[in-house]
């Protein structure tokens, strides 16, 4: 856990110690919240795990659902969440669960927990992962750095060299290279990680096969009780880094492809990465034009009645794998961290 996440953990503890997660609900808690999850699977051995923030354990998911129910909150589908924004139920805070990308462990480990509690959930699927043609580049980067004792790349803005022999060195190398690449064009990011994966002997297609659901399983999921399938672009690009025609095609074709493969309407969309550098006003308009009833970002925040006018720019709250505890969950459900972050503003849709 880096310094930033240690500070976040300390803030969660302070929130609990002062009781702020309880007394702040009157002004900080919205009408509801959409939670973001990626992987759900048993804990892996500790060590170099730069993507650990993207995974929680089945036990934590089970405990989270128990706590949400114990607080008297309603666990609802994405459709019900949208309905409640339009027609609020006073005094009934709601929680909707969403899972991004379409991972095998969502079916193997998350679904049994969700089914046990009778909780509806939404799976946002990238067809390119089901086709085995899109890339899990963040996982390629992790596996390459895990395999290499030294990282050396020639990048457009200059060379990158770091030793990566120990877990600590690998974590530093991942963090520095990841954010350096994220700042530039996506084509540069993909080319650099391809080069690194080649050096390390990482098979990008095999990673997607290992991690992501195939079409046959997705077809079996379609129409299952409590399961909503949504779109997540064709190939998982950071849309705002591309021209309008590419962004439009990624959004429109993902909807059409899923509808053709699954034989059902696809009404909801999630922006890949989903932060302001990946999705903004242009992308919100494209999702609306494509006919999606809602589209979700990863901008952190609760849902307020005002979001009924911005259904293609909805915030979500991540269940972060680095903060799998009741203290953190209570703070997130209180809304206080986002009220403070957004300085009391309910909407972040610019």
Protein backbone atom coordinates (compact mmCIF):
# COMPACT_ATOMS: atom_id res chain seq x y z
CA UNK A 1 0.00 0.00 0.00
CA UNK A 2 1.51 3.32 -1.07
CA UNK A 3 1.44 6.60 0.88
CA UNK A 4 -1.77 7.75 -0.79
CA UNK A 5 -3.68 4.64 0.19
CA UNK A 6 -2.24 4.75 3.71
CA UNK A 7 -3.62 8.28 4.01
CA UNK A 8 -7.00 7.12 2.72
CA UNK A 9 -7.06 4.28 5.25
CA UNK A 10 -6.21 6.74 8.04
CA UNK A 11 -9.06 9.02 6.92
CA UNK A 12 -11.48 6.10 7.04
CA UNK A 13 -10.35 5.27 10.58
CA UNK A 14 -10.77 8.90 11.65
CA UNK A 15 -14.26 8.95 10.15
CA UNK A 16 -15.20 5.92 12.24
CA UNK A 17 -13.51 7.18 15.41
CA UNK A 18 -15.42 10.47 15.31
CA UNK A 19 -18.71 8.87 14.32
CA UNK A 20 -18.74 11.02 11.18
CA UNK A 21 -19.90 8.07 9.09
CA UNK A 22 -23.16 8.25 11.06
CA UNK A 23 -23.82 11.93 11.79
CA UNK A 24 -22.85 13.13 8.29
CA UNK A 25 -25.52 11.08 6.51
CA UNK A 26 -28.11 13.84 6.75
CA UNK A 27 -26.17 16.11 4.39
CA UNK A 28 -23.56 13.86 2.71
CA UNK A 29 -25.51 10.74 1.81
CA UNK A 30 -27.33 10.85 -1.50
CA UNK A 31 -30.37 8.93 -2.68
CA UNK A 32 -28.21 5.92 -3.43
CA UNK A 33 -24.87 4.69 -4.72
CA UNK A 34 -23.59 2.50 -7.55
CA UNK A 35 -20.67 0.34 -6.47
CA UNK A 36 -17.88 -0.60 -8.89
CA UNK A 37 -16.18 -3.99 -8.70
CA UNK A 38 -13.84 -5.85 -11.03
CA UNK A 39 -12.43 -9.14 -9.75
CA UNK A 40 -13.92 -11.20 -6.91
CA UNK A 41 -11.71 -14.14 -5.95
CA UNK A 42 -9.82 -15.64 -3.02
CA UNK A 43 -6.88 -13.63 -1.75
CA UNK A 44 -3.58 -14.28 -3.51
CA UNK A 45 -0.24 -14.52 -1.70
CA UNK A 46 1.16 -11.11 -0.82
CA UNK A 47 3.99 -9.61 -2.85
CA UNK A 48 4.09 -7.64 -6.07
CA UNK A 49 0.41 -7.02 -6.85
CA UNK A 50 -0.04 -3.57 -8.45
CA UNK A 51 -3.57 -4.36 -9.61
CA UNK A 52 -4.73 -5.60 -6.19
CA UNK A 53 -6.99 -2.57 -5.86
CA UNK A 54 -9.17 -4.16 -8.57
CA UNK A 55 -10.04 -7.29 -6.61
CA UNK A 56 -11.92 -8.18 -3.44
CA UNK A 57 -12.46 -11.55 -1.82
CA UNK A 58 -15.77 -13.44 -1.78
CA UNK A 59 -15.73 -13.17 2.00
CA UNK A 60 -15.51 -9.39 1.85
CA UNK A 61 -18.30 -9.22 -0.71
CA UNK A 62 -20.44 -11.39 1.58
CA UNK A 63 -19.66 -9.18 4.58
CA UNK A 64 -20.39 -6.03 2.58
CA UNK A 65 -23.81 -7.29 1.52
CA UNK A 66 -24.61 -8.27 5.10
CA UNK A 67 -23.66 -4.80 6.34
CA UNK A 68 -25.68 -3.04 3.62
CA UNK A 69 -28.75 -5.08 4.54
CA UNK A 70 -28.16 -4.59 8.27
CA UNK A 71 -28.17 -0.81 7.70
CA UNK A 72 -31.60 -1.13 6.15
CA UNK A 73 -30.46 -0.12 2.68
CA UNK A 74 -32.10 -1.50 -0.48
CA UNK A 75 -29.99 -3.55 -2.88
CA UNK A 76 -31.40 -2.84 -6.33
CA UNK A 77 -30.78 -3.41 -10.04
CA UNK A 78 -29.38 -0.68 -12.26
CA UNK A 79 -32.85 -0.23 -13.78
CA UNK A 80 -34.37 0.25 -10.32
CA UNK A 81 -31.60 2.72 -9.45
CA UNK A 82 -32.45 4.83 -12.52
CA UNK A 83 -36.13 4.58 -11.66
CA UNK A 84 -35.52 5.85 -8.15
CA UNK A 85 -33.61 8.85 -9.42
CA UNK A 86 -36.67 9.79 -11.44
CA UNK A 87 -39.15 8.84 -8.71
CA UNK A 88 -37.36 9.03 -5.35
CA UNK A 89 -38.45 6.92 -2.38
CA UNK A 90 -37.83 9.19 0.58
CA UNK A 91 -35.85 7.58 3.36
CA UNK A 92 -34.87 4.54 1.27
CA UNK A 93 -31.16 4.65 0.43
CA UNK A 94 -30.31 2.20 -2.34
CA UNK A 95 -27.18 0.37 -3.48
CA UNK A 96 -26.59 -1.08 -6.96
CA UNK A 97 -23.69 -3.42 -7.75
CA UNK A 98 -21.79 -3.30 -11.05
CA UNK A 99 -18.88 -5.40 -12.33
CA UNK A 100 -16.64 -4.17 -15.15
CA UNK A 101 -14.98 -6.01 -18.07
CA UNK A 102 -16.49 -9.50 -17.86
CA UNK A 103 -14.17 -11.67 -15.77
CA UNK A 104 -14.54 -15.40 -15.17
CA UNK A 105 -14.33 -14.94 -11.41
CA UNK A 106 -17.50 -12.80 -11.46
CA UNK A 107 -19.38 -16.01 -12.29
CA UNK A 108 -17.19 -18.41 -10.33
CA UNK A 109 -16.88 -16.45 -7.08
CA UNK A 110 -19.13 -13.37 -7.08
CA UNK A 111 -22.37 -14.80 -8.45
CA UNK A 112 -22.75 -17.50 -5.74
CA UNK A 113 -22.44 -14.81 -3.05
CA UNK A 114 -24.87 -12.50 -4.83
CA UNK A 115 -27.35 -15.32 -5.38
CA UNK A 116 -27.17 -16.33 -1.71
CA UNK A 117 -28.26 -12.84 -0.73
CA UNK A 118 -30.71 -12.44 -3.60
CA UNK A 119 -28.86 -9.37 -4.89
CA UNK A 120 -29.26 -8.15 -8.49
CA UNK A 121 -26.10 -7.14 -10.34
CA UNK A 122 -24.88 -5.67 -13.60
CA UNK A 123 -22.01 -7.04 -15.68
CA UNK A 124 -20.48 -4.54 -18.12
CA UNK A 125 -18.98 -6.58 -20.96
CA UNK A 126 -16.30 -5.69 -23.50
CA UNK A 127 -16.99 -7.86 -26.58
CA UNK A 128 -13.31 -7.77 -27.55
CA UNK A 129 -12.47 -9.68 -24.40
CA UNK A 130 -15.05 -12.35 -25.22
CA UNK A 131 -13.59 -12.47 -28.75
CA UNK A 132 -10.05 -12.73 -27.30
CA UNK A 133 -8.98 -9.79 -29.51
CA UNK A 134 -8.83 -6.89 -27.01
CA UNK A 135 -5.99 -6.49 -24.54
CA UNK A 136 -5.80 -6.45 -20.74
CA UNK A 137 -2.82 -4.10 -21.02
CA UNK A 138 -2.66 -3.32 -17.29
CA UNK A 139 -2.28 -7.04 -16.61
CA UNK A 140 0.29 -7.41 -19.40
CA UNK A 141 2.28 -4.65 -17.72
CA UNK A 142 2.07 -6.38 -14.34
CA UNK A 143 3.14 -9.77 -15.71
CA UNK A 144 6.01 -8.27 -17.71
CA UNK A 145 7.42 -6.38 -14.74
CA UNK A 146 6.99 -9.47 -12.57
CA UNK A 147 9.15 -11.44 -15.02
CA UNK A 148 11.87 -8.87 -15.79
CA UNK A 149 14.77 -7.93 -13.47
CA UNK A 150 15.18 -4.61 -15.28
CA UNK A 151 12.77 -2.43 -17.27
CA UNK A 152 14.18 -0.68 -20.32
CA UNK A 153 12.04 1.04 -22.95
CA UNK A 154 12.50 3.65 -25.61
CA UNK A 155 9.55 6.06 -25.37
CA UNK A 156 8.68 9.12 -27.46
CA UNK A 157 9.43 11.41 -24.50
CA UNK A 158 12.72 9.70 -23.67
CA UNK A 159 14.08 6.41 -22.35
CA UNK A 160 12.68 4.59 -19.31
CA UNK A 161 15.02 2.47 -17.21
CA UNK A 162 14.46 1.00 -13.76
CA UNK A 163 15.75 -1.99 -11.82
CA UNK A 164 12.94 -4.39 -10.89
CA UNK A 165 14.45 -7.26 -8.93
CA UNK A 166 12.57 -7.03 -5.62
CA UNK A 167 8.85 -6.67 -5.04
CA UNK A 168 9.39 -3.10 -3.86
CA UNK A 169 11.42 -2.23 -6.95
CA UNK A 170 8.78 -3.80 -9.18
CA UNK A 171 6.02 -1.82 -7.49
CA UNK A 172 7.92 1.44 -8.00
CA UNK A 173 8.63 0.59 -11.63
CA UNK A 174 4.99 -0.28 -12.31
CA UNK A 175 3.72 2.93 -10.72
CA UNK A 176 6.12 5.22 -12.53
CA UNK A 177 5.72 3.57 -15.93
CA UNK A 178 1.95 3.18 -15.64
CA UNK A 179 1.33 6.85 -14.92
CA UNK A 180 3.89 8.04 -17.45
CA UNK A 181 2.14 6.02 -20.15
CA UNK A 182 -1.33 7.06 -18.99
CA UNK A 183 -0.45 10.70 -19.59
CA UNK A 184 0.26 10.15 -23.28
CA UNK A 185 -1.60 8.78 -26.30
CA UNK A 186 -3.10 5.34 -25.91
CA UNK A 187 -1.26 4.12 -29.02
CA UNK A 188 2.04 4.88 -27.27
CA UNK A 189 0.88 3.04 -24.15
CA UNK A 190 -0.15 -0.05 -26.09
CA UNK A 191 3.03 -0.14 -28.16
CA UNK A 192 5.27 0.26 -25.11
CA UNK A 193 3.51 -2.49 -23.18
CA UNK A 194 3.63 -4.78 -26.24
CA UNK A 195 7.39 -4.23 -26.38
CA UNK A 196 7.75 -5.00 -22.69
CA UNK A 197 5.51 -8.08 -22.94
CA UNK A 198 7.61 -9.35 -25.85
CA UNK A 199 10.79 -8.93 -23.79
CA UNK A 200 9.20 -10.86 -20.92
CA UNK A 201 7.58 -13.57 -23.03
CA UNK A 202 4.08 -12.59 -21.90
CA UNK A 203 1.28 -13.97 -24.09
CA UNK A 204 -1.36 -11.21 -24.20
CA UNK A 205 -4.04 -13.41 -25.77
CA UNK A 206 -3.49 -16.13 -23.16
CA UNK A 207 -4.08 -13.60 -20.37
CA UNK A 208 -7.46 -12.66 -21.84
CA UNK A 209 -8.38 -16.33 -22.24
CA UNK A 210 -7.41 -16.99 -18.62
CA UNK A 211 -9.25 -14.03 -17.12
CA UNK A 212 -12.31 -13.26 -19.25
CA UNK A 213 -15.64 -14.95 -19.83
CA UNK A 214 -16.28 -16.62 -23.21
CA UNK A 215 -19.38 -15.98 -25.29
CA UNK A 216 -21.01 -19.28 -24.33
CA UNK A 217 -21.01 -18.30 -20.65
CA UNK A 218 -22.24 -14.79 -21.43
CA UNK A 219 -25.11 -16.26 -23.42
CA UNK A 220 -26.01 -18.44 -20.45
CA UNK A 221 -25.95 -15.37 -18.19
CA UNK A 222 -28.20 -13.35 -20.47
CA UNK A 223 -31.69 -13.36 -19.04
CA UNK A 224 -30.68 -15.09 -15.79
CA UNK A 225 -32.69 -13.82 -12.81
CA UNK A 226 -31.12 -10.76 -11.24
CA UNK A 227 -28.43 -10.34 -13.93
CA UNK A 228 -28.22 -7.29 -16.20
CA UNK A 229 -25.71 -7.19 -19.05
CA UNK A 230 -24.35 -3.80 -20.06
CA UNK A 231 -21.83 -2.61 -22.67
CA UNK A 232 -18.26 -1.50 -22.01
CA UNK A 233 -17.05 -0.56 -25.53
CA UNK A 234 -15.66 -2.99 -28.10
CA UNK A 235 -11.99 -2.97 -27.07
CA UNK A 236 -11.79 -1.04 -23.75
CA UNK A 237 -10.12 2.19 -24.95
CA UNK A 238 -9.86 5.40 -22.96
CA UNK A 239 -12.43 7.06 -25.20
CA UNK A 240 -11.46 10.69 -24.64
CA UNK A 241 -7.98 9.96 -26.02
CA UNK A 242 -9.45 9.11 -29.45
CA UNK A 243 -11.20 11.06 -32.17
CA UNK A 244 -14.97 11.28 -32.22
CA UNK A 245 -15.53 8.67 -34.91
CA UNK A 246 -13.50 6.02 -33.08
CA UNK A 247 -15.25 6.82 -29.79
CA UNK A 248 -18.68 6.65 -31.45
CA UNK A 249 -17.88 3.33 -33.11
CA UNK A 250 -16.60 1.79 -29.86
CA UNK A 251 -19.82 2.76 -28.07
CA UNK A 252 -22.35 1.99 -30.79
CA UNK A 253 -20.80 -1.27 -31.97
CA UNK A 254 -20.47 -2.67 -28.44
CA UNK A 255 -24.22 -2.26 -27.97
CA UNK A 256 -25.04 -3.78 -31.35
CA UNK A 257 -22.64 -6.69 -30.92
CA UNK A 258 -23.92 -7.64 -27.49
CA UNK A 259 -27.53 -7.42 -28.63
CA UNK A 260 -26.75 -9.67 -31.61
CA UNK A 261 -24.81 -12.23 -29.55
CA UNK A 262 -27.13 -12.32 -26.54
CA UNK A 263 -30.49 -11.71 -28.19
CA UNK A 264 -31.57 -9.06 -25.72
CA UNK A 265 -31.63 -5.25 -25.47
CA UNK A 266 -28.55 -3.61 -23.93
CA UNK A 267 -29.64 -0.49 -22.06
CA UNK A 268 -26.69 0.47 -19.88
CA UNK A 269 -23.07 1.44 -20.55
CA UNK A 270 -19.83 1.88 -18.57
CA UNK A 271 -16.94 4.06 -19.77
CA UNK A 272 -13.58 2.21 -19.65
CA UNK A 273 -11.30 3.66 -16.97
CA UNK A 274 -14.08 6.21 -16.55
CA UNK A 275 -12.21 9.14 -15.04
CA UNK A 276 -12.32 12.69 -16.51
CA UNK A 277 -9.29 11.95 -18.74
CA UNK A 278 -11.18 9.01 -20.27
CA UNK A 279 -14.80 10.21 -20.47
CA UNK A 280 -16.27 13.69 -20.57
CA UNK A 281 -19.02 15.73 -22.17
CA UNK A 282 -18.38 14.37 -25.66
CA UNK A 283 -18.58 10.76 -24.49
CA UNK A 284 -21.69 11.46 -22.40
CA UNK A 285 -23.38 12.81 -25.51
CA UNK A 286 -22.30 9.81 -27.60
CA UNK A 287 -23.73 7.37 -25.05
CA UNK A 288 -26.99 9.30 -25.05
CA UNK A 289 -27.11 9.32 -28.88
CA UNK A 290 -26.46 5.56 -28.92
CA UNK A 291 -29.67 5.06 -26.95
CA UNK A 292 -28.31 4.00 -23.58
CA UNK A 293 -30.70 4.60 -20.68
CA UNK A 294 -27.71 5.20 -18.42
CA UNK A 295 -23.93 5.33 -18.56
CA UNK A 296 -21.61 5.15 -15.56
CA UNK A 297 -18.22 6.72 -14.92
CA UNK A 298 -15.69 6.07 -12.19
CA UNK A 299 -15.95 9.65 -10.91
CA UNK A 300 -16.50 9.00 -7.20
CA UNK A 301 -19.75 10.06 -5.63
CA UNK A 302 -23.26 9.24 -4.52
CA UNK A 303 -26.35 9.57 -6.67
CA UNK A 304 -28.63 12.56 -6.05
CA UNK A 305 -32.03 13.43 -7.54
CA UNK A 306 -30.23 15.96 -9.77
CA UNK A 307 -28.54 13.06 -11.56
CA UNK A 308 -31.90 12.27 -13.19
CA UNK A 309 -30.94 14.99 -15.69
CA UNK A 310 -27.48 13.48 -16.29
CA UNK A 311 -28.13 9.76 -16.66
CA UNK A 312 -25.18 9.28 -19.02
CA UNK A 313 -22.72 10.76 -16.51
CA UNK A 314 -23.42 8.82 -13.33
CA UNK A 315 -20.79 8.53 -10.58
CA UNK A 316 -19.81 5.28 -8.92
CA UNK A 317 -17.94 4.27 -5.79
CA UNK A 318 -15.21 1.64 -6.02
CA UNK A 319 -14.97 -1.24 -3.59
CA UNK A 320 -11.19 -1.01 -3.51
CA UNK A 321 -9.25 -4.17 -2.81
CA UNK A 322 -6.77 -2.25 -0.66
CA UNK A 323 -9.53 -1.24 1.78
CA UNK A 324 -11.52 -4.41 2.44
CA UNK A 325 -12.93 -3.66 5.86
CA UNK A 326 -16.10 -2.46 7.56
CA UNK A 327 -14.63 0.91 8.51
CA UNK A 328 -13.92 1.78 4.88
CA UNK A 329 -17.28 0.50 3.66
CA UNK A 330 -19.22 2.51 6.24
CA UNK A 331 -17.34 5.65 5.24
CA UNK A 332 -18.09 5.08 1.55
CA UNK A 333 -21.78 4.45 2.20
CA UNK A 334 -22.02 7.59 4.33
CA UNK A 335 -21.09 9.76 1.35
CA UNK A 336 -18.82 11.95 3.49
CA UNK A 337 -15.57 11.32 1.56
CA UNK A 338 -17.22 12.49 -1.67
CA UNK A 339 -19.01 15.43 -0.06
CA UNK A 340 -15.61 16.62 1.15
CA UNK A 341 -13.84 15.83 -2.13
CA UNK A 342 -16.47 17.65 -4.19
CA UNK A 343 -16.79 20.51 -1.67
CA UNK A 344 -20.46 19.85 -1.19
CA UNK A 345 -21.25 19.82 -4.92
CA UNK A 346 -23.61 17.05 -5.87
CA UNK A 347 -22.84 16.93 -9.60
CA UNK A 348 -19.52 16.27 -11.33
CA UNK A 349 -20.56 16.09 -14.98
CA UNK A 350 -18.30 18.58 -16.76
